[in-house]
Amino acid sequence: QVQLVESGGGLVQPGGSLRLSCSASTSILSIYHMGWYRQAPGKLRELVAAVTGGGTTNYADSLKGRFTIARDNAKNTVYLQMNSLKPENTAVYYCFTRRTPGQLRSWGQGTQVTVSS
């Protein structure tokens, strides 16, 4: 099973930026999709952004224009660039991937993002 390792979380002031990275232990060339969910305290886990094997991206409506997902196949890594961060973006961000539509998602351990002054 693929192992996912996230990095790049931390504390940032409102309006600031962070870039999260998710490195996979195997090639991501043939993935079905890969991306990020997040979970804030007391809330359900929700999709942030994902990219398919063919390069199609999708985002949570509230994050379009501020968050960008990108993949580097050579490094087996997916990135999440987060700009104009707001306190409500505070959450644990989890990387996930699936190799086929019917497969269960594989998850990373999560990285904390805190937006606060």
PDB file of N, CA and C in Angstrom:
ATOM      1  N   GLN A   1       0.840  -1.188   0.000  1.00  0.00           N
ATOM      2  CA  GLN A   1       0.000   0.000   0.000  1.00  0.00           C
ATOM      3  C   GLN A   1       0.879   1.242   0.000  1.00  0.00           C
ATOM      4  N   VAL A   2       0.449   2.241  -0.739  1.00  0.00           N
ATOM      5  CA  VAL A   2       1.233   3.465  -0.838  1.00  0.00           C
ATOM      6  C   VAL A   2       1.284   4.182   0.501  1.00  0.00           C
ATOM      7  N   GLN A   3       2.432   4.752   0.815  1.00  0.00           N
ATOM      8  CA  GLN A   3       2.610   5.573   2.006  1.00  0.00           C
ATOM      9  C   GLN A   3       2.654   7.036   1.571  1.00  0.00           C
ATOM     10  N   LEU A   4       1.956   7.879   2.318  1.00  0.00           N
ATOM     11  CA  LEU A   4       1.901   9.299   2.012  1.00  0.00           C
ATOM     12  C   LEU A   4       2.470  10.090   3.184  1.00  0.00           C
ATOM     13  N   VAL A   5       3.334  11.035   2.899  1.00  0.00           N
ATOM     14  CA  VAL A   5       3.944  11.859   3.938  1.00  0.00           C
ATOM     15  C   VAL A   5       3.713  13.326   3.595  1.00  0.00           C
ATOM     16  N   GLU A   6       2.998  14.014   4.499  1.00  0.00           N
ATOM     17  CA  GLU A   6       2.720  15.428   4.296  1.00  0.00           C
ATOM     18  C   GLU A   6       3.752  16.285   5.016  1.00  0.00           C
ATOM     19  N   SER A   7       3.926  17.489   4.523  1.00  0.00           N
ATOM     20  CA  SER A   7       4.780  18.469   5.195  1.00  0.00           C
ATOM     21  C   SER A   7       4.319  19.855   4.768  1.00  0.00           C
ATOM     22  N   GLY A   8       4.802  20.854   5.496  1.00  0.00           N
ATOM     23  CA  GLY A   8       4.539  22.236   5.111  1.00  0.00           C
ATOM     24  C   GLY A   8       3.513  22.960   5.955  1.00  0.00           C
ATOM     25  N   GLY A   9       2.882  22.286   6.892  1.00  0.00           N
ATOM     26  CA  GLY A   9       1.919  22.966   7.736  1.00  0.00           C
ATOM     27  C   GLY A   9       2.610  23.872   8.743  1.00  0.00           C
ATOM     28  N   GLY A  10       1.790  24.636   9.471  1.00  0.00           N
ATOM     29  CA  GLY A  10       2.359  25.519  10.475  1.00  0.00           C
ATOM     30  C   GLY A  10       1.405  26.629  10.835  1.00  0.00           C
ATOM     31  N   LEU A  11       1.961  27.631  11.496  1.00  0.00           N
ATOM     32  CA  LEU A  11       1.198  28.803  11.937  1.00  0.00           C
ATOM     33  C   LEU A  11       1.465  29.955  10.972  1.00  0.00           C
ATOM     34  N   VAL A  12       0.399  30.573  10.514  1.00  0.00           N
ATOM     35  CA  VAL A  12       0.530  31.689   9.595  1.00  0.00           C
ATOM     36  C   VAL A  12      -0.505  32.742   9.950  1.00  0.00           C
ATOM     37  N   GLN A  13      -0.183  33.990   9.698  1.00  0.00           N
ATOM     38  CA  GLN A  13      -1.117  35.074   9.974  1.00  0.00           C
ATOM     39  C   GLN A  13      -2.178  35.155   8.880  1.00  0.00           C
ATOM     40  N   PRO A  14      -3.345  35.694   9.219  1.00  0.00           N
ATOM     41  CA  PRO A  14      -4.376  35.885   8.181  1.00  0.00           C
ATOM     42  C   PRO A  14      -3.814  36.683   7.009  1.00  0.00           C
ATOM     43  N   GLY A  15      -4.156  36.235   5.814  1.00  0.00           N
ATOM     44  CA  GLY A  15      -3.639  36.849   4.600  1.00  0.00           C
ATOM     45  C   GLY A  15      -2.359  36.231   4.093  1.00  0.00           C
ATOM     46  N   GLY A  16      -1.752  35.381   4.898  1.00  0.00           N
ATOM     47  CA  GLY A  16      -0.492  34.753   4.510  1.00  0.00           C
ATOM     48  C   GLY A  16      -0.692  33.539   3.626  1.00  0.00           C
ATOM     49  N   SER A  17       0.437  32.892   3.311  1.00  0.00           N
ATOM     50  CA  SER A  17       0.431  31.735   2.413  1.00  0.00           C
ATOM     51  C   SER A  17       1.210  30.581   3.016  1.00  0.00           C
ATOM     52  N   LEU A  18       0.823  29.384   2.606  1.00  0.00           N
ATOM     53  CA  LEU A  18       1.559  28.170   2.936  1.00  0.00           C
ATOM     54  C   LEU A  18       1.500  27.249   1.736  1.00  0.00           C
ATOM     55  N   ARG A  19       2.505  26.393   1.608  1.00  0.00           N
ATOM     56  CA  ARG A  19       2.478  25.353   0.598  1.00  0.00           C
ATOM     57  C   ARG A  19       2.653  24.005   1.275  1.00  0.00           C
ATOM     58  N   LEU A  20       1.671  23.161   1.115  1.00  0.00           N
ATOM     59  CA  LEU A  20       1.740  21.802   1.642  1.00  0.00           C
ATOM     60  C   LEU A  20       2.280  20.869   0.567  1.00  0.00           C
ATOM     61  N   SER A  21       3.033  19.872   1.017  1.00  0.00           N
ATOM     62  CA  SER A  21       3.560  18.856   0.110  1.00  0.00           C
ATOM     63  C   SER A  21       3.106  17.483   0.580  1.00  0.00           C
ATOM     64  N   CYS A  22       2.860  16.602  -0.364  1.00  0.00           N
ATOM     65  CA  CYS A  22       2.500  15.220  -0.056  1.00  0.00           C
ATOM     66  C   CYS A  22       3.331  14.317  -0.960  1.00  0.00           C
ATOM     67  N   SER A  23       4.244  13.587  -0.355  1.00  0.00           N
ATOM     68  CA  SER A  23       5.128  12.703  -1.107  1.00  0.00           C
ATOM     69  C   SER A  23       4.650  11.265  -0.980  1.00  0.00           C
ATOM     70  N   ALA A  24       4.526  10.601  -2.120  1.00  0.00           N
ATOM     71  CA  ALA A  24       4.075   9.213  -2.148  1.00  0.00           C
ATOM     72  C   ALA A  24       5.266   8.265  -2.256  1.00  0.00           C
ATOM     73  N   SER A  25       5.097   7.078  -1.688  1.00  0.00           N
ATOM     74  CA  SER A  25       6.182   6.093  -1.689  1.00  0.00           C
ATOM     75  C   SER A  25       6.283   5.346  -3.010  1.00  0.00           C
ATOM     76  N   THR A  26       5.275   5.510  -3.865  1.00  0.00           N
ATOM     77  CA  THR A  26       5.288   4.862  -5.173  1.00  0.00           C
ATOM     78  C   THR A  26       4.952   5.888  -6.251  1.00  0.00           C
ATOM     79  N   SER A  27       5.092   5.482  -7.486  1.00  0.00           N
ATOM     80  CA  SER A  27       4.822   6.376  -8.597  1.00  0.00           C
ATOM     81  C   SER A  27       3.371   6.849  -8.586  1.00  0.00           C
ATOM     82  N   ILE A  28       3.172   8.124  -8.931  1.00  0.00           N
ATOM     83  CA  ILE A  28       1.812   8.659  -9.001  1.00  0.00           C
ATOM     84  C   ILE A  28       1.353   8.805 -10.450  1.00  0.00           C
ATOM     85  N   LEU A  29       2.096   8.232 -11.368  1.00  0.00           N
ATOM     86  CA  LEU A  29       1.740   8.371 -12.773  1.00  0.00           C
ATOM     87  C   LEU A  29       0.392   7.744 -13.100  1.00  0.00           C
ATOM     88  N   SER A  30       0.073   6.629 -12.459  1.00  0.00           N
ATOM     89  CA  SER A  30      -1.143   5.898 -12.824  1.00  0.00           C
ATOM     90  C   SER A  30      -2.239   6.005 -11.778  1.00  0.00           C
ATOM     91  N   ILE A  31      -2.195   7.045 -10.961  1.00  0.00           N
ATOM     92  CA  ILE A  31      -3.226   7.194  -9.943  1.00  0.00           C
ATOM     93  C   ILE A  31      -4.565   7.526 -10.570  1.00  0.00           C
ATOM     94  N   TYR A  32      -5.642   7.200  -9.862  1.00  0.00           N
ATOM     95  CA  TYR A  32      -6.977   7.650 -10.256  1.00  0.00           C
ATOM     96  C   TYR A  32      -7.123   9.117  -9.877  1.00  0.00           C
ATOM     97  N   HIS A  33      -6.843   9.444  -8.620  1.00  0.00           N
ATOM     98  CA  HIS A  33      -6.759  10.829  -8.189  1.00  0.00           C
ATOM     99  C   HIS A  33      -5.987  10.928  -6.884  1.00  0.00           C
ATOM    100  N   MET A  34      -5.614  12.153  -6.556  1.00  0.00           N
ATOM    101  CA  MET A  34      -4.803  12.424  -5.365  1.00  0.00           C
ATOM    102  C   MET A  34      -5.096  13.838  -4.937  1.00  0.00           C
ATOM    103  N   GLY A  35      -5.074  14.089  -3.638  1.00  0.00           N
ATOM    104  CA  GLY A  35      -5.365  15.445  -3.222  1.00  0.00           C
ATOM    105  C   GLY A  35      -5.410  15.601  -1.729  1.00  0.00           C
ATOM    106  N   TRP A  36      -6.258  16.527  -1.295  1.00  0.00           N
ATOM    107  CA  TRP A  36      -6.288  16.944   0.109  1.00  0.00           C
ATOM    108  C   TRP A  36      -7.720  17.041   0.632  1.00  0.00           C
ATOM    109  N   TYR A  37      -7.880  16.558   1.843  1.00  0.00           N
ATOM    110  CA  TYR A  37      -9.047  16.823   2.652  1.00  0.00           C
ATOM    111  C   TYR A  37      -8.568  17.621   3.866  1.00  0.00           C
ATOM    112  N   ARG A  38      -9.498  18.188   4.577  1.00  0.00           N
ATOM    113  CA  ARG A  38      -9.173  18.843   5.831  1.00  0.00           C
ATOM    114  C   ARG A  38     -10.275  18.573   6.849  1.00  0.00           C
ATOM    115  N   GLN A  39      -9.876  18.678   8.121  1.00  0.00           N
ATOM    116  CA  GLN A  39     -10.839  18.486   9.207  1.00  0.00           C
ATOM    117  C   GLN A  39     -10.557  19.482  10.307  1.00  0.00           C
ATOM    118  N   ALA A  40     -11.513  20.342  10.549  1.00  0.00           N
ATOM    119  CA  ALA A  40     -11.429  21.313  11.636  1.00  0.00           C
ATOM    120  C   ALA A  40     -12.062  20.709  12.881  1.00  0.00           C
ATOM    121  N   PRO A  41     -11.703  21.201  14.058  1.00  0.00           N
ATOM    122  CA  PRO A  41     -12.268  20.653  15.298  1.00  0.00           C
ATOM    123  C   PRO A  41     -13.789  20.692  15.289  1.00  0.00           C
ATOM    124  N   GLY A  42     -14.398  19.564  15.599  1.00  0.00           N
ATOM    125  CA  GLY A  42     -15.843  19.496  15.676  1.00  0.00           C
ATOM    126  C   GLY A  42     -16.558  19.437  14.352  1.00  0.00           C
ATOM    127  N   LYS A  43     -15.807  19.328  13.261  1.00  0.00           N
ATOM    128  CA  LYS A  43     -16.420  19.304  11.934  1.00  0.00           C
ATOM    129  C   LYS A  43     -16.049  18.025  11.194  1.00  0.00           C
ATOM    130  N   LEU A  44     -16.832  17.731  10.158  1.00  0.00           N
ATOM    131  CA  LEU A  44     -16.553  16.576   9.335  1.00  0.00           C
ATOM    132  C   LEU A  44     -15.367  16.861   8.409  1.00  0.00           C
ATOM    133  N   ARG A  45     -14.707  15.780   8.000  1.00  0.00           N
ATOM    134  CA  ARG A  45     -13.635  15.924   7.023  1.00  0.00           C
ATOM    135  C   ARG A  45     -14.244  16.330   5.686  1.00  0.00           C
ATOM    136  N   GLU A  46     -13.627  17.309   5.020  1.00  0.00           N
ATOM    137  CA  GLU A  46     -14.166  17.803   3.763  1.00  0.00           C
ATOM    138  C   GLU A  46     -13.082  17.890   2.699  1.00  0.00           C
ATOM    139  N   LEU A  47     -13.501  17.713   1.453  1.00  0.00           N
ATOM    140  CA  LEU A  47     -12.564  17.795   0.347  1.00  0.00           C
ATOM    141  C   LEU A  47     -12.086  19.235   0.163  1.00  0.00           C
ATOM    142  N   VAL A  48     -10.777  19.378  -0.026  1.00  0.00           N
ATOM    143  CA  VAL A  48     -10.182  20.686  -0.330  1.00  0.00           C
ATOM    144  C   VAL A  48      -9.921  20.792  -1.825  1.00  0.00           C
ATOM    145  N   ALA A  49      -9.135  19.845  -2.345  1.00  0.00           N
ATOM    146  CA  ALA A  49      -8.776  19.866  -3.760  1.00  0.00           C
ATOM    147  C   ALA A  49      -8.256  18.498  -4.157  1.00  0.00           C
ATOM    148  N   ALA A  50      -8.403  18.175  -5.445  1.00  0.00           N
ATOM    149  CA  ALA A  50      -7.900  16.907  -5.944  1.00  0.00           C
ATOM    150  C   ALA A  50      -7.472  17.063  -7.395  1.00  0.00           C
ATOM    151  N   VAL A  51      -6.570  16.201  -7.813  1.00  0.00           N
ATOM    152  CA  VAL A  51      -6.122  16.170  -9.201  1.00  0.00           C
ATOM    153  C   VAL A  51      -6.176  14.728  -9.675  1.00  0.00           C
ATOM    154  N   THR A  52      -6.719  14.523 -10.884  1.00  0.00           N
ATOM    155  CA  THR A  52      -6.834  13.173 -11.417  1.00  0.00           C
ATOM    156  C   THR A  52      -5.540  12.761 -12.116  1.00  0.00           C
ATOM    157  N   GLY A  53      -5.499  11.494 -12.491  1.00  0.00           N
ATOM    158  CA  GLY A  53      -4.350  11.009 -13.244  1.00  0.00           C
ATOM    159  C   GLY A  53      -4.166  11.750 -14.557  1.00  0.00           C
ATOM    160  N   GLY A  54      -5.267  12.229 -15.126  1.00  0.00           N
ATOM    161  CA  GLY A  54      -5.197  12.967 -16.376  1.00  0.00           C
ATOM    162  C   GLY A  54      -4.931  14.448 -16.206  1.00  0.00           C
ATOM    163  N   GLY A  55      -4.852  14.900 -14.950  1.00  0.00           N
ATOM    164  CA  GLY A  55      -4.519  16.291 -14.689  1.00  0.00           C
ATOM    165  C   GLY A  55      -5.706  17.199 -14.418  1.00  0.00           C
ATOM    166  N   THR A  56      -6.914  16.659 -14.429  1.00  0.00           N
ATOM    167  CA  THR A  56      -8.088  17.473 -14.114  1.00  0.00           C
ATOM    168  C   THR A  56      -8.116  17.786 -12.626  1.00  0.00           C
ATOM    169  N   THR A  57      -8.395  19.037 -12.306  1.00  0.00           N
ATOM    170  CA  THR A  57      -8.425  19.459 -10.914  1.00  0.00           C
ATOM    171  C   THR A  57      -9.849  19.832 -10.499  1.00  0.00           C
ATOM    172  N   ASN A  58     -10.131  19.677  -9.226  1.00  0.00           N
ATOM    173  CA  ASN A  58     -11.372  20.191  -8.674  1.00  0.00           C
ATOM    174  C   ASN A  58     -11.119  20.695  -7.268  1.00  0.00           C
ATOM    175  N   TYR A  59     -11.913  21.695  -6.886  1.00  0.00           N
ATOM    176  CA  TYR A  59     -11.725  22.393  -5.627  1.00  0.00           C
ATOM    177  C   TYR A  59     -13.052  22.564  -4.906  1.00  0.00           C
ATOM    178  N   ALA A  60     -12.964  22.687  -3.587  1.00  0.00           N
ATOM    179  CA  ALA A  60     -14.124  23.124  -2.834  1.00  0.00           C
ATOM    180  C   ALA A  60     -14.485  24.529  -3.322  1.00  0.00           C
ATOM    181  N   ASP A  61     -15.763  24.786  -3.493  1.00  0.00           N
ATOM    182  CA  ASP A  61     -16.201  26.065  -4.053  1.00  0.00           C
ATOM    183  C   ASP A  61     -15.649  27.261  -3.283  1.00  0.00           C
ATOM    184  N   SER A  62     -15.595  27.143  -1.970  1.00  0.00           N
ATOM    185  CA  SER A  62     -15.181  28.274  -1.138  1.00  0.00           C
ATOM    186  C   SER A  62     -13.689  28.576  -1.255  1.00  0.00           C
ATOM    187  N   LEU A  63     -12.933  27.663  -1.875  1.00  0.00           N
ATOM    188  CA  LEU A  63     -11.485  27.830  -1.931  1.00  0.00           C
ATOM    189  C   LEU A  63     -10.973  28.163  -3.336  1.00  0.00           C
ATOM    190  N   LYS A  64     -11.855  28.123  -4.309  1.00  0.00           N
ATOM    191  CA  LYS A  64     -11.441  28.417  -5.684  1.00  0.00           C
ATOM    192  C   LYS A  64     -10.855  29.822  -5.766  1.00  0.00           C
ATOM    193  N   GLY A  65      -9.735  29.921  -6.458  1.00  0.00           N
ATOM    194  CA  GLY A  65      -9.074  31.207  -6.626  1.00  0.00           C
ATOM    195  C   GLY A  65      -8.017  31.490  -5.572  1.00  0.00           C
ATOM    196  N   ARG A  66      -8.067  30.786  -4.449  1.00  0.00           N
ATOM    197  CA  ARG A  66      -7.060  31.004  -3.401  1.00  0.00           C
ATOM    198  C   ARG A  66      -6.147  29.795  -3.225  1.00  0.00           C
ATOM    199  N   PHE A  67      -6.661  28.614  -3.469  1.00  0.00           N
ATOM    200  CA  PHE A  67      -5.883  27.384  -3.326  1.00  0.00           C
ATOM    201  C   PHE A  67      -5.603  26.798  -4.710  1.00  0.00           C
ATOM    202  N   THR A  68      -4.410  26.245  -4.875  1.00  0.00           N
ATOM    203  CA  THR A  68      -4.031  25.624  -6.136  1.00  0.00           C
ATOM    204  C   THR A  68      -3.344  24.290  -5.870  1.00  0.00           C
ATOM    205  N   ILE A  69      -3.811  23.253  -6.557  1.00  0.00           N
ATOM    206  CA  ILE A  69      -3.186  21.942  -6.430  1.00  0.00           C
ATOM    207  C   ILE A  69      -2.345  21.686  -7.667  1.00  0.00           C
ATOM    208  N   ALA A  70      -1.196  21.070  -7.447  1.00  0.00           N
ATOM    209  CA  ALA A  70      -0.295  20.760  -8.557  1.00  0.00           C
ATOM    210  C   ALA A  70       0.434  19.462  -8.238  1.00  0.00           C
ATOM    211  N   ARG A  71       0.883  18.776  -9.290  1.00  0.00           N
ATOM    212  CA  ARG A  71       1.585  17.520  -9.078  1.00  0.00           C
ATOM    213  C   ARG A  71       2.912  17.533  -9.822  1.00  0.00           C
ATOM    214  N   ASP A  72       3.893  16.863  -9.234  1.00  0.00           N
ATOM    215  CA  ASP A  72       5.196  16.680  -9.860  1.00  0.00           C
ATOM    216  C   ASP A  72       5.409  15.177  -9.962  1.00  0.00           C
ATOM    217  N   ASN A  73       5.170  14.636 -11.137  1.00  0.00           N
ATOM    218  CA  ASN A  73       5.262  13.181 -11.297  1.00  0.00           C
ATOM    219  C   ASN A  73       6.677  12.657 -11.051  1.00  0.00           C
ATOM    220  N   ALA A  74       7.656  13.450 -11.412  1.00  0.00           N
ATOM    221  CA  ALA A  74       9.050  13.009 -11.236  1.00  0.00           C
ATOM    222  C   ALA A  74       9.415  12.838  -9.765  1.00  0.00           C
ATOM    223  N   LYS A  75       8.756  13.624  -8.912  1.00  0.00           N
ATOM    224  CA  LYS A  75       9.041  13.563  -7.470  1.00  0.00           C
ATOM    225  C   LYS A  75       7.957  12.792  -6.711  1.00  0.00           C
ATOM    226  N   ASN A  76       6.965  12.275  -7.426  1.00  0.00           N
ATOM    227  CA  ASN A  76       5.842  11.567  -6.782  1.00  0.00           C
ATOM    228  C   ASN A  76       5.211  12.422  -5.688  1.00  0.00           C
ATOM    229  N   THR A  77       5.027  13.677  -5.985  1.00  0.00           N
ATOM    230  CA  THR A  77       4.588  14.640  -4.978  1.00  0.00           C
ATOM    231  C   THR A  77       3.452  15.501  -5.523  1.00  0.00           C
ATOM    232  N   VAL A  78       2.499  15.766  -4.648  1.00  0.00           N
ATOM    233  CA  VAL A  78       1.415  16.701  -4.927  1.00  0.00           C
ATOM    234  C   VAL A  78       1.530  17.864  -3.953  1.00  0.00           C
ATOM    235  N   TYR A  79       1.280  19.052  -4.465  1.00  0.00           N
ATOM    236  CA  TYR A  79       1.399  20.261  -3.662  1.00  0.00           C
ATOM    237  C   TYR A  79       0.038  20.950  -3.536  1.00  0.00           C
ATOM    238  N   LEU A  80      -0.123  21.667  -2.441  1.00  0.00           N
ATOM    239  CA  LEU A  80      -1.296  22.521  -2.265  1.00  0.00           C
ATOM    240  C   LEU A  80      -0.792  23.904  -1.872  1.00  0.00           C
ATOM    241  N   GLN A  81      -0.888  24.832  -2.796  1.00  0.00           N
ATOM    242  CA  GLN A  81      -0.531  26.216  -2.524  1.00  0.00           C
ATOM    243  C   GLN A  81      -1.762  26.922  -1.976  1.00  0.00           C
ATOM    244  N   MET A  82      -1.626  27.501  -0.792  1.00  0.00           N
ATOM    245  CA  MET A  82      -2.746  28.153  -0.124  1.00  0.00           C
ATOM    246  C   MET A  82      -2.401  29.622   0.078  1.00  0.00           C
ATOM    247  N   ASN A  83      -3.165  30.489  -0.536  1.00  0.00           N
ATOM    248  CA  ASN A  83      -2.943  31.932  -0.454  1.00  0.00           C
ATOM    249  C   ASN A  83      -4.109  32.626   0.231  1.00  0.00           C
ATOM    250  N   SER A  84      -3.860  33.830   0.699  1.00  0.00           N
ATOM    251  CA  SER A  84      -4.909  34.638   1.350  1.00  0.00           C
ATOM    252  C   SER A  84      -5.623  33.820   2.415  1.00  0.00           C
ATOM    253  N   LEU A  85      -4.850  33.209   3.269  1.00  0.00           N
ATOM    254  CA  LEU A  85      -5.430  32.314   4.273  1.00  0.00           C
ATOM    255  C   LEU A  85      -6.273  33.075   5.292  1.00  0.00           C
ATOM    256  N   LYS A  86      -7.312  32.395   5.759  1.00  0.00           N
ATOM    257  CA  LYS A  86      -8.251  32.961   6.721  1.00  0.00           C
ATOM    258  C   LYS A  86      -8.302  32.075   7.958  1.00  0.00           C
ATOM    259  N   PRO A  87      -8.692  32.633   9.094  1.00  0.00           N
ATOM    260  CA  PRO A  87      -8.785  31.802  10.307  1.00  0.00           C
ATOM    261  C   PRO A  87      -9.653  30.560  10.119  1.00  0.00           C
ATOM    262  N   GLU A  88     -10.673  30.642   9.290  1.00  0.00           N
ATOM    263  CA  GLU A  88     -11.547  29.485   9.078  1.00  0.00           C
ATOM    264  C   GLU A  88     -10.893  28.387   8.247  1.00  0.00           C
ATOM    265  N   ASN A  89      -9.707  28.643   7.723  1.00  0.00           N
ATOM    266  CA  ASN A  89      -8.951  27.603   7.030  1.00  0.00           C
ATOM    267  C   ASN A  89      -8.143  26.744   8.004  1.00  0.00           C
ATOM    268  N   THR A  90      -8.184  27.109   9.291  1.00  0.00           N
ATOM    269  CA  THR A  90      -7.471  26.325  10.298  1.00  0.00           C
ATOM    270  C   THR A  90      -8.057  24.921  10.364  1.00  0.00           C
ATOM    271  N   ALA A  91      -7.183  23.918  10.246  1.00  0.00           N
ATOM    272  CA  ALA A  91      -7.620  22.522  10.242  1.00  0.00           C
ATOM    273  C   ALA A  91      -6.395  21.627  10.135  1.00  0.00           C
ATOM    274  N   VAL A  92      -6.629  20.344  10.304  1.00  0.00           N
ATOM    275  CA  VAL A  92      -5.616  19.354   9.940  1.00  0.00           C
ATOM    276  C   VAL A  92      -5.878  18.975   8.486  1.00  0.00           C
ATOM    277  N   TYR A  93      -4.858  19.061   7.682  1.00  0.00           N
ATOM    278  CA  TYR A  93      -4.966  18.776   6.250  1.00  0.00           C
ATOM    279  C   TYR A  93      -4.372  17.394   5.982  1.00  0.00           C
ATOM    280  N   TYR A  94      -5.176  16.552   5.324  1.00  0.00           N
ATOM    281  CA  TYR A  94      -4.794  15.173   5.056  1.00  0.00           C
ATOM    282  C   TYR A  94      -4.645  14.950   3.553  1.00  0.00           C
ATOM    283  N   CYS A  95      -3.541  14.363   3.186  1.00  0.00           N
ATOM    284  CA  CYS A  95      -3.339  13.945   1.806  1.00  0.00           C
ATOM    285  C   CYS A  95      -3.986  12.582   1.598  1.00  0.00           C
ATOM    286  N   PHE A  96      -4.503  12.348   0.396  1.00  0.00           N
ATOM    287  CA  PHE A  96      -5.095  11.047   0.088  1.00  0.00           C
ATOM    288  C   PHE A  96      -4.784  10.688  -1.359  1.00  0.00           C
ATOM    289  N   THR A  97      -4.920   9.424  -1.666  1.00  0.00           N
ATOM    290  CA  THR A  97      -4.828   8.978  -3.041  1.00  0.00           C
ATOM    291  C   THR A  97      -5.613   7.687  -3.227  1.00  0.00           C
ATOM    292  N   ARG A  98      -6.022   7.464  -4.450  1.00  0.00           N
ATOM    293  CA  ARG A  98      -6.627   6.198  -4.860  1.00  0.00           C
ATOM    294  C   ARG A  98      -6.080   5.850  -6.240  1.00  0.00           C
ATOM    295  N   ARG A  99      -5.816   4.562  -6.435  1.00  0.00           N
ATOM    296  CA  ARG A  99      -5.297   4.146  -7.734  1.00  0.00           C
ATOM    297  C   ARG A  99      -6.409   3.735  -8.686  1.00  0.00           C
ATOM    298  N   THR A 100      -7.558   3.339  -8.128  1.00  0.00           N
ATOM    299  CA  THR A 100      -8.718   2.990  -8.950  1.00  0.00           C
ATOM    300  C   THR A 100      -9.955   3.563  -8.270  1.00  0.00           C
ATOM    301  N   PRO A 101     -11.041   3.779  -9.022  1.00  0.00           N
ATOM    302  CA  PRO A 101     -12.252   4.349  -8.415  1.00  0.00           C
ATOM    303  C   PRO A 101     -12.818   3.500  -7.284  1.00  0.00           C
ATOM    304  N   GLY A 102     -12.652   2.198  -7.352  1.00  0.00           N
ATOM    305  CA  GLY A 102     -13.239   1.338  -6.344  1.00  0.00           C
ATOM    306  C   GLY A 102     -12.363   1.089  -5.137  1.00  0.00           C
ATOM    307  N   GLN A 103     -11.183   1.607  -5.162  1.00  0.00           N
ATOM    308  CA  GLN A 103     -10.242   1.374  -4.068  1.00  0.00           C
ATOM    309  C   GLN A 103     -10.497   2.317  -2.911  1.00  0.00           C
ATOM    310  N   LEU A 104     -10.249   1.825  -1.715  1.00  0.00           N
ATOM    311  CA  LEU A 104     -10.305   2.712  -0.565  1.00  0.00           C
ATOM    312  C   LEU A 104      -9.178   3.731  -0.649  1.00  0.00           C
ATOM    313  N   ARG A 105      -9.426   4.909  -0.115  1.00  0.00           N
ATOM    314  CA  ARG A 105      -8.387   5.930  -0.116  1.00  0.00           C
ATOM    315  C   ARG A 105      -7.258   5.536   0.831  1.00  0.00           C
ATOM    316  N   SER A 106      -6.044   5.878   0.442  1.00  0.00           N
ATOM    317  CA  SER A 106      -4.891   5.836   1.341  1.00  0.00           C
ATOM    318  C   SER A 106      -4.698   7.243   1.879  1.00  0.00           C
ATOM    319  N   TRP A 107      -4.341   7.337   3.154  1.00  0.00           N
ATOM    320  CA  TRP A 107      -4.244   8.646   3.819  1.00  0.00           C
ATOM    321  C   TRP A 107      -2.859   8.865   4.381  1.00  0.00           C
ATOM    322  N   GLY A 108      -2.477  10.147   4.421  1.00  0.00           N
ATOM    323  CA  GLY A 108      -1.298  10.538   5.160  1.00  0.00           C
ATOM    324  C   GLY A 108      -1.652  10.762   6.617  1.00  0.00           C
ATOM    325  N   GLN A 109      -0.656  11.166   7.390  1.00  0.00           N
ATOM    326  CA  GLN A 109      -0.865  11.319   8.837  1.00  0.00           C
ATOM    327  C   GLN A 109      -1.496  12.672   9.181  1.00  0.00           C
ATOM    328  N   GLY A 110      -1.513  13.590   8.227  1.00  0.00           N
ATOM    329  CA  GLY A 110      -2.094  14.902   8.475  1.00  0.00           C
ATOM    330  C   GLY A 110      -1.054  15.925   8.892  1.00  0.00           C
ATOM    331  N   THR A 111      -1.299  17.166   8.516  1.00  0.00           N
ATOM    332  CA  THR A 111      -0.433  18.272   8.928  1.00  0.00           C
ATOM    333  C   THR A 111      -1.316  19.434   9.375  1.00  0.00           C
ATOM    334  N   GLN A 112      -0.954  20.018  10.500  1.00  0.00           N
ATOM    335  CA  GLN A 112      -1.776  21.077  11.090  1.00  0.00           C
ATOM    336  C   GLN A 112      -1.491  22.406  10.408  1.00  0.00           C
ATOM    337  N   VAL A 113      -2.559  23.082  10.027  1.00  0.00           N
ATOM    338  CA  VAL A 113      -2.476  24.451   9.519  1.00  0.00           C
ATOM    339  C   VAL A 113      -3.282  25.332  10.469  1.00  0.00           C
ATOM    340  N   THR A 114      -2.632  26.340  11.025  1.00  0.00           N
ATOM    341  CA  THR A 114      -3.295  27.265  11.937  1.00  0.00           C
ATOM    342  C   THR A 114      -3.137  28.678  11.403  1.00  0.00           C
ATOM    343  N   VAL A 115      -4.260  29.339  11.199  1.00  0.00           N
ATOM    344  CA  VAL A 115      -4.260  30.717  10.698  1.00  0.00           C
ATOM    345  C   VAL A 115      -4.740  31.614  11.837  1.00  0.00           C
ATOM    346  N   SER A 116      -3.818  32.384  12.370  1.00  0.00           N
ATOM    347  CA  SER A 116      -4.139  33.205  13.536  1.00  0.00           C
ATOM    348  C   SER A 116      -3.159  34.354  13.643  1.00  0.00           C
ATOM    349  N   SER A 117      -3.654  35.466  14.183  1.00  0.00           N
ATOM    350  CA  SER A 117      -2.778  36.604  14.430  1.00  0.00           C
ATOM    351  C   SER A 117      -2.243  36.561  15.856  1.00  0.00           C
TER     352      SER A 117
END
